[in-house]
Amino acid sequence: MGDLLLFLRDGDDRIPMDIDMTGTVLDLVIAAKKVVPRRFRIEYMGEALRYEDGCLADAGLSMQAVVDLVAPSAQEAEAADLELYDAMGGEGDREKAERAIVQGADGGVLLPCADTQTYSKLKTTALHRAV
C-alpha cells in the first residue's frame, strides 16, 4: 500500500514522518523513537494512543494528522517500566511487552531484581531479564 504522512509534535517542533498506512500504533511508536530517541507516549487529539487501538486507521489517524509526543508522568513511566520488566520474565509475553513500549517503557531502567531470594541491592533491567 502507500505511505501515510504524519507530523510528530515535540514541543515547538513538527517533524514530518512517512509510515505505511497499514501500520499499527506500535509501528508508529518504533518509527517515532528512531527520530526522537527519548521516553514518550503518543497522543492524538488529547487522547493517548494505546496498543489496543491496533492499526493507525482504527486509531483515527489520517493523512497529515499531527500526533503529540508527551513525556509520561513519573507514575506512568514506572508502571510501564514494571510492566515491561514483568513481560520479560519466564517465557516472555510479547503482547504485554509491546503494550508497555507503547505506554513509554524504557527497557534500560534499573529496577530491583525480583528473581533473587534476597531482593536487596541487586538491580537489573528489563533487557537484562530478557536474555
C-alpha atoms as a PDB file:
ATOM      1  CA  MET A   1       0.000   0.000   0.000  1.00  0.00           C
ATOM      2  CA  GLY A   2       1.018   3.634   0.291  1.00  0.00           C
ATOM      3  CA  ASP A   3       2.511   5.827   2.935  1.00  0.00           C
ATOM      4  CA  LEU A   4       0.710   7.994   5.419  1.00  0.00           C
ATOM      5  CA  LEU A   5       2.277  11.402   6.106  1.00  0.00           C
ATOM      6  CA  LEU A   6       2.070  12.218   9.811  1.00  0.00           C
ATOM      7  CA  PHE A   7       3.605  15.007  11.862  1.00  0.00           C
ATOM      8  CA  LEU A   8       5.210  14.363  15.231  1.00  0.00           C
ATOM      9  CA  ARG A   9       4.822  17.381  17.514  1.00  0.00           C
ATOM     10  CA  ASP A  10       7.656  17.512  20.021  1.00  0.00           C
ATOM     11  CA  GLY A  11       7.327  20.796  21.898  1.00  0.00           C
ATOM     12  CA  ASP A  12       7.521  23.517  19.245  1.00  0.00           C
ATOM     13  CA  ASP A  13       8.929  21.158  16.588  1.00  0.00           C
ATOM     14  CA  ARG A  14       6.768  19.477  13.956  1.00  0.00           C
ATOM     15  CA  ILE A  15       8.610  16.561  12.409  1.00  0.00           C
ATOM     16  CA  PRO A  16       7.202  15.020   9.208  1.00  0.00           C
ATOM     17  CA  MET A  17       7.212  11.234   9.076  1.00  0.00           C
ATOM     18  CA  ASP A  18       6.019   8.748   6.470  1.00  0.00           C
ATOM     19  CA  ILE A  19       4.643   5.456   7.745  1.00  0.00           C
ATOM     20  CA  ASP A  20       2.892   2.601   5.986  1.00  0.00           C
ATOM     21  CA  MET A  21      -0.838   3.297   6.097  1.00  0.00           C
ATOM     22  CA  THR A  22      -1.446  -0.311   7.161  1.00  0.00           C
ATOM     23  CA  GLY A  23       0.873   0.164  10.159  1.00  0.00           C
ATOM     24  CA  THR A  24      -0.079  -0.176  13.801  1.00  0.00           C
ATOM     25  CA  VAL A  25       0.264   2.099  16.806  1.00  0.00           C
ATOM     26  CA  LEU A  26       3.329   0.037  17.780  1.00  0.00           C
ATOM     27  CA  ASP A  27       4.865   0.654  14.314  1.00  0.00           C
ATOM     28  CA  LEU A  28       4.308   4.390  14.836  1.00  0.00           C
ATOM     29  CA  VAL A  29       5.996   4.335  18.257  1.00  0.00           C
ATOM     30  CA  ILE A  30       9.001   2.413  16.899  1.00  0.00           C
ATOM     31  CA  ALA A  31       9.377   4.778  13.926  1.00  0.00           C
ATOM     32  CA  ALA A  32       8.991   7.854  16.161  1.00  0.00           C
ATOM     33  CA  LYS A  33      11.664   6.564  18.588  1.00  0.00           C
ATOM     34  CA  LYS A  34      14.117   6.430  15.679  1.00  0.00           C
ATOM     35  CA  VAL A  35      13.525  10.154  15.113  1.00  0.00           C
ATOM     36  CA  VAL A  36      13.116  11.279  18.742  1.00  0.00           C
ATOM     37  CA  PRO A  37      15.148   8.921  20.967  1.00  0.00           C
ATOM     38  CA  ARG A  38      13.652   9.694  24.364  1.00  0.00           C
ATOM     39  CA  ARG A  39      10.854   8.361  26.551  1.00  0.00           C
ATOM     40  CA  PHE A  40       7.375   9.381  25.406  1.00  0.00           C
ATOM     41  CA  ARG A  41       3.878   8.205  24.726  1.00  0.00           C
ATOM     42  CA  ILE A  42       1.881   9.349  21.711  1.00  0.00           C
ATOM     43  CA  GLU A  43      -1.335  11.327  21.934  1.00  0.00           C
ATOM     44  CA  TYR A  44      -3.755  12.237  19.188  1.00  0.00           C
ATOM     45  CA  MET A  45      -6.301  14.976  19.776  1.00  0.00           C
ATOM     46  CA  GLY A  46      -5.556  14.915  23.508  1.00  0.00           C
ATOM     47  CA  GLU A  47      -6.028  11.140  23.936  1.00  0.00           C
ATOM     48  CA  ALA A  48      -3.193   8.661  24.422  1.00  0.00           C
ATOM     49  CA  LEU A  49      -2.873   6.112  21.634  1.00  0.00           C
ATOM     50  CA  ARG A  50      -2.983   2.623  23.087  1.00  0.00           C
ATOM     51  CA  TYR A  51      -1.584  -0.670  21.914  1.00  0.00           C
ATOM     52  CA  GLU A  52      -5.134  -1.979  21.761  1.00  0.00           C
ATOM     53  CA  ASP A  53      -6.017   0.678  19.157  1.00  0.00           C
ATOM     54  CA  GLY A  54      -4.326  -1.592  16.602  1.00  0.00           C
ATOM     55  CA  CYS A  55      -3.927  -0.141  13.137  1.00  0.00           C
ATOM     56  CA  LEU A  56      -3.476   3.576  12.613  1.00  0.00           C
ATOM     57  CA  ALA A  57      -6.773   3.934  10.735  1.00  0.00           C
ATOM     58  CA  ASP A  58      -8.656   2.351  13.646  1.00  0.00           C
ATOM     59  CA  ALA A  59      -6.956   4.875  15.948  1.00  0.00           C
ATOM     60  CA  GLY A  60      -8.436   7.662  13.792  1.00  0.00           C
ATOM     61  CA  LEU A  61      -5.207   8.808  12.124  1.00  0.00           C
ATOM     62  CA  SER A  62      -5.382  10.089   8.569  1.00  0.00           C
ATOM     63  CA  MET A  63      -3.112  11.911   6.110  1.00  0.00           C
ATOM     64  CA  GLN A  64      -1.217  14.850   7.679  1.00  0.00           C
ATOM     65  CA  ALA A  65      -2.510  14.166  11.187  1.00  0.00           C
ATOM     66  CA  VAL A  66      -0.456  15.701  13.987  1.00  0.00           C
ATOM     67  CA  VAL A  67       0.382  13.460  16.944  1.00  0.00           C
ATOM     68  CA  ASP A  68       1.961  14.728  20.148  1.00  0.00           C
ATOM     69  CA  LEU A  69       4.983  13.165  21.833  1.00  0.00           C
ATOM     70  CA  VAL A  70       4.217  13.502  25.537  1.00  0.00           C
ATOM     71  CA  ALA A  71       6.548  12.649  28.397  1.00  0.00           C
ATOM     72  CA  PRO A  72       4.791  10.233  30.738  1.00  0.00           C
ATOM     73  CA  SER A  73       4.396  11.207  34.379  1.00  0.00           C
ATOM     74  CA  ALA A  74       6.761   9.559  36.868  1.00  0.00           C
ATOM     75  CA  GLN A  75       3.982   7.176  37.915  1.00  0.00           C
ATOM     76  CA  GLU A  76       3.098   6.282  34.313  1.00  0.00           C
ATOM     77  CA  ALA A  77       6.773   5.729  33.476  1.00  0.00           C
ATOM     78  CA  GLU A  78       7.296   3.485  36.492  1.00  0.00           C
ATOM     79  CA  ALA A  79       4.167   1.459  35.713  1.00  0.00           C
ATOM     80  CA  ALA A  80       5.250   0.992  32.074  1.00  0.00           C
ATOM     81  CA  ASP A  81       8.795   0.006  33.131  1.00  0.00           C
ATOM     82  CA  LEU A  82       7.451  -2.552  35.623  1.00  0.00           C
ATOM     83  CA  GLU A  83       5.055  -3.966  33.017  1.00  0.00           C
ATOM     84  CA  LEU A  84       7.927  -4.376  30.544  1.00  0.00           C
ATOM     85  CA  TYR A  85      10.116  -5.958  33.231  1.00  0.00           C
ATOM     86  CA  ASP A  86       7.317  -8.382  34.119  1.00  0.00           C
ATOM     87  CA  ALA A  87       6.751  -9.218  30.433  1.00  0.00           C
ATOM     88  CA  MET A  88      10.394 -10.249  30.064  1.00  0.00           C
ATOM     89  CA  GLY A  89      10.188 -12.951  32.759  1.00  0.00           C
ATOM     90  CA  GLY A  90       9.816 -16.671  32.129  1.00  0.00           C
ATOM     91  CA  GLU A  91       8.830 -17.429  28.546  1.00  0.00           C
ATOM     92  CA  GLY A  92       8.198 -13.748  27.876  1.00  0.00           C
ATOM     93  CA  ASP A  93       4.928 -12.108  26.914  1.00  0.00           C
ATOM     94  CA  ARG A  94       5.339 -10.294  23.601  1.00  0.00           C
ATOM     95  CA  GLU A  95       1.942  -8.566  23.654  1.00  0.00           C
ATOM     96  CA  LYS A  96       2.490  -7.292  27.193  1.00  0.00           C
ATOM     97  CA  ALA A  97       5.971  -6.037  26.236  1.00  0.00           C
ATOM     98  CA  GLU A  98       4.633  -4.244  23.151  1.00  0.00           C
ATOM     99  CA  ARG A  99       1.865  -2.635  25.232  1.00  0.00           C
ATOM    100  CA  ALA A 100       4.465  -1.384  27.734  1.00  0.00           C
ATOM    101  CA  ILE A 101       6.596   0.094  24.945  1.00  0.00           C
ATOM    102  CA  VAL A 102       3.597   1.975  23.551  1.00  0.00           C
ATOM    103  CA  GLN A 103       2.976   3.349  27.067  1.00  0.00           C
ATOM    104  CA  GLY A 104       6.534   4.721  27.176  1.00  0.00           C
ATOM    105  CA  ALA A 105       8.527   1.941  28.868  1.00  0.00           C
ATOM    106  CA  ASP A 106      12.316   2.140  28.885  1.00  0.00           C
ATOM    107  CA  GLY A 107      13.961  -1.276  28.907  1.00  0.00           C
ATOM    108  CA  GLY A 108      17.213   0.187  30.211  1.00  0.00           C
ATOM    109  CA  VAL A 109      15.854   1.463  33.545  1.00  0.00           C
ATOM    110  CA  LEU A 110      17.350  -0.256  36.598  1.00  0.00           C
ATOM    111  CA  LEU A 111      14.730  -1.974  38.733  1.00  0.00           C
ATOM    112  CA  PRO A 112      15.005  -4.183  41.833  1.00  0.00           C
ATOM    113  CA  CYS A 113      15.630  -7.752  40.725  1.00  0.00           C
ATOM    114  CA  ALA A 114      12.603  -9.812  41.704  1.00  0.00           C
ATOM    115  CA  ASP A 115      14.323 -13.003  40.510  1.00  0.00           C
ATOM    116  CA  THR A 116      16.573 -13.258  43.555  1.00  0.00           C
ATOM    117  CA  GLN A 117      15.798 -14.574  47.006  1.00  0.00           C
ATOM    118  CA  THR A 118      17.398 -11.567  48.675  1.00  0.00           C
ATOM    119  CA  TYR A 119      15.705  -8.755  46.715  1.00  0.00           C
ATOM    120  CA  SER A 120      18.209  -6.440  48.367  1.00  0.00           C
ATOM    121  CA  LYS A 121      20.524  -4.109  46.474  1.00  0.00           C
ATOM    122  CA  LEU A 122      20.767  -6.178  43.301  1.00  0.00           C
ATOM    123  CA  LYS A 123      19.248  -4.310  40.373  1.00  0.00           C
ATOM    124  CA  THR A 124      18.668  -5.235  36.761  1.00  0.00           C
ATOM    125  CA  THR A 125      16.814  -4.016  33.662  1.00  0.00           C
ATOM    126  CA  ALA A 126      14.044  -5.489  31.538  1.00  0.00           C
ATOM    127  CA  LEU A 127      16.623  -6.016  28.790  1.00  0.00           C
ATOM    128  CA  HIS A 128      18.883  -7.990  31.142  1.00  0.00           C
ATOM    129  CA  ARG A 129      15.933 -10.098  32.203  1.00  0.00           C
ATOM    130  CA  ALA A 130      15.032 -10.859  28.588  1.00  0.00           C
ATOM    131  CA  VAL A 131      18.305 -12.674  27.865  1.00  0.00           C
END
